[in-house]
Amino acid sequence: QIEEVTGYSGGVVRTETLYEFREEGKQD
């Protein structure tokens, strides 16, 4: 994951995912 820290609100540090690894199965 590559996560951006977007700020603080509602008592938590907010983040948003910019990139995420997505599995597509297995080979060999």
PDB file of all heavy atoms in Angstrom:
ATOM      1  N   GLN A   1       0.838  -1.201   0.000  1.00  0.00           N
ATOM      2  CA  GLN A   1       0.000   0.000   0.000  1.00  0.00           C
ATOM      3  C   GLN A   1       0.871   1.247   0.000  1.00  0.00           C
ATOM      4  O   GLN A   1       1.950   1.265   0.606  1.00  0.00           O
ATOM      5  CB  GLN A   1      -0.902   0.049   1.246  1.00  0.00           C
ATOM      6  CG  GLN A   1      -2.083  -0.891   1.230  1.00  0.00           C
ATOM      7  CD  GLN A   1      -2.817  -0.879   2.556  1.00  0.00           C
ATOM      8  OE1 GLN A   1      -2.443  -1.595   3.487  1.00  0.00           O
ATOM      9  NE2 GLN A   1      -3.851  -0.061   2.653  1.00  0.00           N
ATOM     10  N   ILE A   2       0.397   2.267  -0.665  1.00  0.00           N
ATOM     11  CA  ILE A   2       0.932   3.622  -0.508  1.00  0.00           C
ATOM     12  C   ILE A   2      -0.232   4.466  -0.016  1.00  0.00           C
ATOM     13  O   ILE A   2      -1.248   4.601  -0.694  1.00  0.00           O
ATOM     14  CB  ILE A   2       1.501   4.180  -1.824  1.00  0.00           C
ATOM     15  CG1 ILE A   2       2.627   3.281  -2.337  1.00  0.00           C
ATOM     16  CG2 ILE A   2       2.020   5.610  -1.608  1.00  0.00           C
ATOM     17  CD1 ILE A   2       3.211   3.732  -3.667  1.00  0.00           C
ATOM     18  N   GLU A   3      -0.095   5.001   1.188  1.00  0.00           N
ATOM     19  CA  GLU A   3      -1.188   5.671   1.875  1.00  0.00           C
ATOM     20  C   GLU A   3      -0.841   7.145   2.072  1.00  0.00           C
ATOM     21  O   GLU A   3       0.283   7.479   2.473  1.00  0.00           O
ATOM     22  CB  GLU A   3      -1.413   5.004   3.230  1.00  0.00           C
ATOM     23  CG  GLU A   3      -2.769   5.240   3.824  1.00  0.00           C
ATOM     24  CD  GLU A   3      -3.806   4.217   3.372  1.00  0.00           C
ATOM     25  OE1 GLU A   3      -3.488   3.360   2.533  1.00  0.00           O
ATOM     26  OE2 GLU A   3      -4.944   4.290   3.876  1.00  0.00           O
ATOM     27  N   GLU A   4      -1.785   8.017   1.798  1.00  0.00           N
ATOM     28  CA  GLU A   4      -1.599   9.446   2.065  1.00  0.00           C
ATOM     29  C   GLU A   4      -2.257   9.815   3.381  1.00  0.00           C
ATOM     30  O   GLU A   4      -3.393   9.411   3.659  1.00  0.00           O
ATOM     31  CB  GLU A   4      -2.220  10.285   0.947  1.00  0.00           C
ATOM     32  CG  GLU A   4      -2.071  11.780   1.184  1.00  0.00           C
ATOM     33  CD  GLU A   4      -2.797  12.642   0.158  1.00  0.00           C
ATOM     34  OE1 GLU A   4      -3.602  12.084  -0.616  1.00  0.00           O
ATOM     35  OE2 GLU A   4      -2.572  13.873   0.153  1.00  0.00           O
ATOM     36  N   VAL A   5      -1.532  10.564   4.218  1.00  0.00           N
ATOM     37  CA  VAL A   5      -2.119  11.109   5.441  1.00  0.00           C
ATOM     38  C   VAL A   5      -2.811  12.408   5.060  1.00  0.00           C
ATOM     39  O   VAL A   5      -2.172  13.370   4.627  1.00  0.00           O
ATOM     40  CB  VAL A   5      -1.046  11.358   6.519  1.00  0.00           C
ATOM     41  CG1 VAL A   5      -1.683  11.955   7.776  1.00  0.00           C
ATOM     42  CG2 VAL A   5      -0.316  10.061   6.858  1.00  0.00           C
ATOM     43  N   THR A   6      -4.130  12.429   5.189  1.00  0.00           N
ATOM     44  CA  THR A   6      -4.917  13.558   4.664  1.00  0.00           C
ATOM     45  C   THR A   6      -5.287  14.590   5.721  1.00  0.00           C
ATOM     46  O   THR A   6      -5.743  15.687   5.381  1.00  0.00           O
ATOM     47  CB  THR A   6      -6.199  13.037   3.998  1.00  0.00           C
ATOM     48  OG1 THR A   6      -6.944  12.241   4.942  1.00  0.00           O
ATOM     49  CG2 THR A   6      -5.860  12.183   2.785  1.00  0.00           C
ATOM     50  N   GLY A   7      -5.114  14.265   7.008  1.00  0.00           N
ATOM     51  CA  GLY A   7      -5.437  15.250   8.030  1.00  0.00           C
ATOM     52  C   GLY A   7      -5.985  14.608   9.289  1.00  0.00           C
ATOM     53  O   GLY A   7      -5.881  13.390   9.492  1.00  0.00           O
ATOM     54  N   TYR A   8      -6.574  15.440  10.138  1.00  0.00           N
ATOM     55  CA  TYR A   8      -7.126  14.984  11.420  1.00  0.00           C
ATOM     56  C   TYR A   8      -8.565  15.458  11.537  1.00  0.00           C
ATOM     57  O   TYR A   8      -8.875  16.638  11.317  1.00  0.00           O
ATOM     58  CB  TYR A   8      -6.302  15.543  12.583  1.00  0.00           C
ATOM     59  CG  TYR A   8      -6.938  15.311  13.942  1.00  0.00           C
ATOM     60  CD1 TYR A   8      -6.790  14.098  14.604  1.00  0.00           C
ATOM     61  CD2 TYR A   8      -7.699  16.308  14.551  1.00  0.00           C
ATOM     62  CE1 TYR A   8      -7.375  13.876  15.840  1.00  0.00           C
ATOM     63  CE2 TYR A   8      -8.291  16.102  15.794  1.00  0.00           C
ATOM     64  CZ  TYR A   8      -8.128  14.872  16.432  1.00  0.00           C
ATOM     65  OH  TYR A   8      -8.714  14.662  17.644  1.00  0.00           O
ATOM     66  N   SER A   9      -9.444  14.516  11.877  1.00  0.00           N
ATOM     67  CA  SER A   9     -10.842  14.885  12.143  1.00  0.00           C
ATOM     68  C   SER A   9     -11.523  13.746  12.880  1.00  0.00           C
ATOM     69  O   SER A   9     -11.129  12.576  12.739  1.00  0.00           O
ATOM     70  CB  SER A   9     -11.597  15.180  10.837  1.00  0.00           C
ATOM     71  OG  SER A   9     -11.711  14.007  10.043  1.00  0.00           O
ATOM     72  N   GLY A  10     -12.510  14.097  13.671  1.00  0.00           N
ATOM     73  CA  GLY A  10     -13.293  13.089  14.377  1.00  0.00           C
ATOM     74  C   GLY A  10     -12.482  12.241  15.349  1.00  0.00           C
ATOM     75  O   GLY A  10     -12.822  11.083  15.607  1.00  0.00           O
ATOM     76  N   GLY A  11     -11.383  12.803  15.851  1.00  0.00           N
ATOM     77  CA  GLY A  11     -10.587  12.088  16.838  1.00  0.00           C
ATOM     78  C   GLY A  11      -9.628  11.064  16.265  1.00  0.00           C
ATOM     79  O   GLY A  11      -9.048  10.276  17.026  1.00  0.00           O
ATOM     80  N   VAL A  12      -9.426  11.060  14.945  1.00  0.00           N
ATOM     81  CA  VAL A  12      -8.479  10.114  14.338  1.00  0.00           C
ATOM     82  C   VAL A  12      -7.666  10.811  13.244  1.00  0.00           C
ATOM     83  O   VAL A  12      -8.098  11.811  12.665  1.00  0.00           O
ATOM     84  CB  VAL A  12      -9.198   8.886  13.718  1.00  0.00           C
ATOM     85  CG1 VAL A  12      -9.876   8.050  14.771  1.00  0.00           C
ATOM     86  CG2 VAL A  12     -10.179   9.320  12.643  1.00  0.00           C
ATOM     87  N   VAL A  13      -6.484  10.266  12.986  1.00  0.00           N
ATOM     88  CA  VAL A  13      -5.661  10.710  11.862  1.00  0.00           C
ATOM     89  C   VAL A  13      -6.218  10.044  10.614  1.00  0.00           C
ATOM     90  O   VAL A  13      -6.305   8.815  10.530  1.00  0.00           O
ATOM     91  CB  VAL A  13      -4.178  10.323  12.062  1.00  0.00           C
ATOM     92  CG1 VAL A  13      -3.352  10.750  10.854  1.00  0.00           C
ATOM     93  CG2 VAL A  13      -3.624  10.963  13.330  1.00  0.00           C
ATOM     94  N   ARG A  14      -6.607  10.843   9.636  1.00  0.00           N
ATOM     95  CA  ARG A  14      -7.247  10.326   8.424  1.00  0.00           C
ATOM     96  C   ARG A  14      -6.215   9.988   7.354  1.00  0.00           C
ATOM     97  O   ARG A  14      -5.240  10.730   7.164  1.00  0.00           O
ATOM     98  CB  ARG A  14      -8.232  11.354   7.866  1.00  0.00           C
ATOM     99  CG  ARG A  14      -9.360  11.734   8.827  1.00  0.00           C
ATOM    100  CD  ARG A  14     -10.334  10.588   9.011  1.00  0.00           C
ATOM    101  NE  ARG A  14     -11.390  10.928   9.964  1.00  0.00           N
ATOM    102  CZ  ARG A  14     -12.369  10.108  10.299  1.00  0.00           C
ATOM    103  NH1 ARG A  14     -12.417   8.890   9.756  1.00  0.00           N
ATOM    104  NH2 ARG A  14     -13.289  10.470  11.183  1.00  0.00           N
ATOM    105  N   THR A  15      -6.446   8.882   6.675  1.00  0.00           N
ATOM    106  CA  THR A  15      -5.578   8.488   5.560  1.00  0.00           C
ATOM    107  C   THR A  15      -6.436   8.050   4.380  1.00  0.00           C
ATOM    108  O   THR A  15      -7.623   7.723   4.539  1.00  0.00           O
ATOM    109  CB  THR A  15      -4.637   7.330   5.946  1.00  0.00           C
ATOM    110  OG1 THR A  15      -5.408   6.153   6.200  1.00  0.00           O
ATOM    111  CG2 THR A  15      -3.800   7.675   7.162  1.00  0.00           C
ATOM    112  N   GLU A  16      -5.813   8.028   3.218  1.00  0.00           N
ATOM    113  CA  GLU A  16      -6.493   7.537   2.016  1.00  0.00           C
ATOM    114  C   GLU A  16      -5.507   6.730   1.189  1.00  0.00           C
ATOM    115  O   GLU A  16      -4.353   7.141   1.011  1.00  0.00           O
ATOM    116  CB  GLU A  16      -7.044   8.694   1.189  1.00  0.00           C
ATOM    117  CG  GLU A  16      -7.848   8.226  -0.017  1.00  0.00           C
ATOM    118  CD  GLU A  16      -8.617   9.369  -0.674  1.00  0.00           C
ATOM    119  OE1 GLU A  16      -7.977  10.170  -1.376  1.00  0.00           O
ATOM    120  OE2 GLU A  16      -9.846   9.452  -0.473  1.00  0.00           O
ATOM    121  N   THR A  17      -5.956   5.589   0.688  1.00  0.00           N
ATOM    122  CA  THR A  17      -5.092   4.706  -0.095  1.00  0.00           C
ATOM    123  C   THR A  17      -4.896   5.258  -1.497  1.00  0.00           C
ATOM    124  O   THR A  17      -5.870   5.554  -2.195  1.00  0.00           O
ATOM    125  CB  THR A  17      -5.694   3.288  -0.180  1.00  0.00           C
ATOM    126  OG1 THR A  17      -5.893   2.786   1.143  1.00  0.00           O
ATOM    127  CG2 THR A  17      -4.766   2.358  -0.941  1.00  0.00           C
ATOM    128  N   LEU A  18      -3.638   5.399  -1.904  1.00  0.00           N
ATOM    129  CA  LEU A  18      -3.317   5.871  -3.256  1.00  0.00           C
ATOM    130  C   LEU A  18      -2.998   4.706  -4.184  1.00  0.00           C
ATOM    131  O   LEU A  18      -3.410   4.697  -5.346  1.00  0.00           O
ATOM    132  CB  LEU A  18      -2.129   6.842  -3.204  1.00  0.00           C
ATOM    133  CG  LEU A  18      -2.280   8.053  -2.290  1.00  0.00           C
ATOM    134  CD1 LEU A  18      -1.022   8.916  -2.337  1.00  0.00           C
ATOM    135  CD2 LEU A  18      -3.505   8.881  -2.684  1.00  0.00           C
ATOM    136  N   TYR A  19      -2.229   3.723  -3.679  1.00  0.00           N
ATOM    137  CA  TYR A  19      -1.898   2.510  -4.430  1.00  0.00           C
ATOM    138  C   TYR A  19      -2.134   1.305  -3.524  1.00  0.00           C
ATOM    139  O   TYR A  19      -1.891   1.372  -2.321  1.00  0.00           O
ATOM    140  CB  TYR A  19      -0.437   2.513  -4.886  1.00  0.00           C
ATOM    141  CG  TYR A  19      -0.131   3.444  -6.038  1.00  0.00           C
ATOM    142  CD1 TYR A  19       0.042   4.806  -5.829  1.00  0.00           C
ATOM    143  CD2 TYR A  19      -0.009   2.956  -7.339  1.00  0.00           C
ATOM    144  CE1 TYR A  19       0.335   5.665  -6.876  1.00  0.00           C
ATOM    145  CE2 TYR A  19       0.287   3.802  -8.401  1.00  0.00           C
ATOM    146  CZ  TYR A  19       0.457   5.150  -8.167  1.00  0.00           C
ATOM    147  OH  TYR A  19       0.743   5.990  -9.205  1.00  0.00           O
ATOM    148  N   GLU A  20      -2.581   0.213  -4.132  1.00  0.00           N
ATOM    149  CA  GLU A  20      -2.877  -0.992  -3.355  1.00  0.00           C
ATOM    150  C   GLU A  20      -2.526  -2.230  -4.185  1.00  0.00           C
ATOM    151  O   GLU A  20      -2.861  -2.306  -5.369  1.00  0.00           O
ATOM    152  CB  GLU A  20      -4.356  -1.005  -2.982  1.00  0.00           C
ATOM    153  CG  GLU A  20      -4.763  -2.156  -2.095  1.00  0.00           C
ATOM    154  CD  GLU A  20      -6.232  -2.026  -1.693  1.00  0.00           C
ATOM    155  OE1 GLU A  20      -7.103  -2.028  -2.597  1.00  0.00           O
ATOM    156  OE2 GLU A  20      -6.498  -1.904  -0.482  1.00  0.00           O
ATOM    157  N   PHE A  21      -1.844  -3.181  -3.547  1.00  0.00           N
ATOM    158  CA  PHE A  21      -1.513  -4.428  -4.248  1.00  0.00           C
ATOM    159  C   PHE A  21      -2.750  -5.308  -4.326  1.00  0.00           C
ATOM    160  O   PHE A  21      -3.405  -5.578  -3.313  1.00  0.00           O
ATOM    161  CB  PHE A  21      -0.393  -5.181  -3.523  1.00  0.00           C
ATOM    162  CG  PHE A  21      -0.006  -6.472  -4.200  1.00  0.00           C
ATOM    163  CD1 PHE A  21       0.833  -6.467  -5.306  1.00  0.00           C
ATOM    164  CD2 PHE A  21      -0.502  -7.683  -3.749  1.00  0.00           C
ATOM    165  CE1 PHE A  21       1.182  -7.650  -5.947  1.00  0.00           C
ATOM    166  CE2 PHE A  21      -0.166  -8.875  -4.374  1.00  0.00           C
ATOM    167  CZ  PHE A  21       0.679  -8.848  -5.482  1.00  0.00           C
ATOM    168  N   ARG A  22      -3.048  -5.765  -5.536  1.00  0.00           N
ATOM    169  CA  ARG A  22      -4.209  -6.627  -5.749  1.00  0.00           C
ATOM    170  C   ARG A  22      -3.752  -7.951  -6.343  1.00  0.00           C
ATOM    171  O   ARG A  22      -3.137  -7.988  -7.402  1.00  0.00           O
ATOM    172  CB  ARG A  22      -5.232  -5.935  -6.651  1.00  0.00           C
ATOM    173  CG  ARG A  22      -5.857  -4.725  -5.956  1.00  0.00           C
ATOM    174  CD  ARG A  22      -6.891  -4.029  -6.780  1.00  0.00           C
ATOM    175  NE  ARG A  22      -7.480  -2.907  -6.040  1.00  0.00           N
ATOM    176  CZ  ARG A  22      -8.324  -2.021  -6.571  1.00  0.00           C
ATOM    177  NH1 ARG A  22      -8.678  -2.128  -7.854  1.00  0.00           N
ATOM    178  NH2 ARG A  22      -8.812  -1.037  -5.823  1.00  0.00           N
ATOM    179  N   GLU A  23      -4.085  -9.002  -5.626  1.00  0.00           N
ATOM    180  CA  GLU A  23      -3.670 -10.347  -6.032  1.00  0.00           C
ATOM    181  C   GLU A  23      -4.533 -10.844  -7.186  1.00  0.00           C
ATOM    182  O   GLU A  23      -5.753 -10.644  -7.201  1.00  0.00           O
ATOM    183  CB  GLU A  23      -3.786 -11.273  -4.826  1.00  0.00           C
ATOM    184  CG  GLU A  23      -3.080 -12.596  -4.981  1.00  0.00           C
ATOM    185  CD  GLU A  23      -3.072 -13.401  -3.695  1.00  0.00           C
ATOM    186  OE1 GLU A  23      -2.849 -12.793  -2.618  1.00  0.00           O
ATOM    187  OE2 GLU A  23      -3.286 -14.622  -3.771  1.00  0.00           O
ATOM    188  N   GLU A  24      -3.877 -11.526  -8.132  1.00  0.00           N
ATOM    189  CA  GLU A  24      -4.585 -11.989  -9.330  1.00  0.00           C
ATOM    190  C   GLU A  24      -4.441 -13.494  -9.538  1.00  0.00           C
ATOM    191  O   GLU A  24      -4.682 -13.994 -10.640  1.00  0.00           O
ATOM    192  CB  GLU A  24      -4.048 -11.247 -10.560  1.00  0.00           C
ATOM    193  CG  GLU A  24      -4.260  -9.737 -10.488  1.00  0.00           C
ATOM    194  CD  GLU A  24      -3.452  -8.981 -11.529  1.00  0.00           C
ATOM    195  OE1 GLU A  24      -2.649  -9.632 -12.235  1.00  0.00           O
ATOM    196  OE2 GLU A  24      -3.624  -7.749 -11.626  1.00  0.00           O
ATOM    197  N   GLY A  25      -4.036 -14.227  -8.499  1.00  0.00           N
ATOM    198  CA  GLY A  25      -3.890 -15.671  -8.625  1.00  0.00           C
ATOM    199  C   GLY A  25      -2.450 -16.117  -8.468  1.00  0.00           C
ATOM    200  O   GLY A  25      -1.585 -15.352  -8.041  1.00  0.00           O
ATOM    201  N   LYS A  26      -2.185 -17.391  -8.848  1.00  0.00           N
ATOM    202  CA  LYS A  26      -0.841 -17.958  -8.717  1.00  0.00           C
ATOM    203  C   LYS A  26      -0.406 -18.585 -10.031  1.00  0.00           C
ATOM    204  O   LYS A  26      -1.232 -19.072 -10.805  1.00  0.00           O
ATOM    205  CB  LYS A  26      -0.804 -19.015  -7.609  1.00  0.00           C
ATOM    206  CG  LYS A  26      -1.009 -18.472  -6.213  1.00  0.00           C
ATOM    207  CD  LYS A  26      -0.854 -19.553  -5.152  1.00  0.00           C
ATOM    208  CE  LYS A  26       0.583 -19.951  -4.957  1.00  0.00           C
ATOM    209  NZ  LYS A  26       0.768 -20.885  -3.827  1.00  0.00           N
ATOM    210  N   GLN A  27       0.898 -18.532 -10.268  1.00  0.00           N
ATOM    211  CA  GLN A  27       1.476 -19.157 -11.450  1.00  0.00           C
ATOM    212  C   GLN A  27       2.851 -19.703 -11.092  1.00  0.00           C
ATOM    213  O   GLN A  27       3.713 -18.965 -10.623  1.00  0.00           O
ATOM    214  CB  GLN A  27       1.589 -18.143 -12.602  1.00  0.00           C
ATOM    215  CG  GLN A  27       2.144 -18.740 -13.884  1.00  0.00           C
ATOM    216  CD  GLN A  27       2.212 -17.702 -15.000  1.00  0.00           C
ATOM    217  OE1 GLN A  27       1.570 -16.656 -14.945  1.00  0.00           O
ATOM    218  NE2 GLN A  27       2.983 -17.997 -16.019  1.00  0.00           N
ATOM    219  N   ASP A  28       3.051 -21.002 -11.309  1.00  0.00           N
ATOM    220  CA  ASP A  28       4.319 -21.666 -10.978  1.00  0.00           C
ATOM    221  C   ASP A  28       4.721 -21.440  -9.521  1.00  0.00           C
ATOM    222  O   ASP A  28       5.890 -21.226  -9.201  1.00  0.00           O
ATOM    223  CB  ASP A  28       5.434 -21.183 -11.903  1.00  0.00           C
ATOM    224  CG  ASP A  28       5.145 -21.465 -13.370  1.00  0.00           C
ATOM    225  OD1 ASP A  28       4.518 -22.503 -13.642  1.00  0.00           O
ATOM    226  OD2 ASP A  28       5.523 -20.643 -14.221  1.00  0.00           O
TER     227      ASP A  28
END
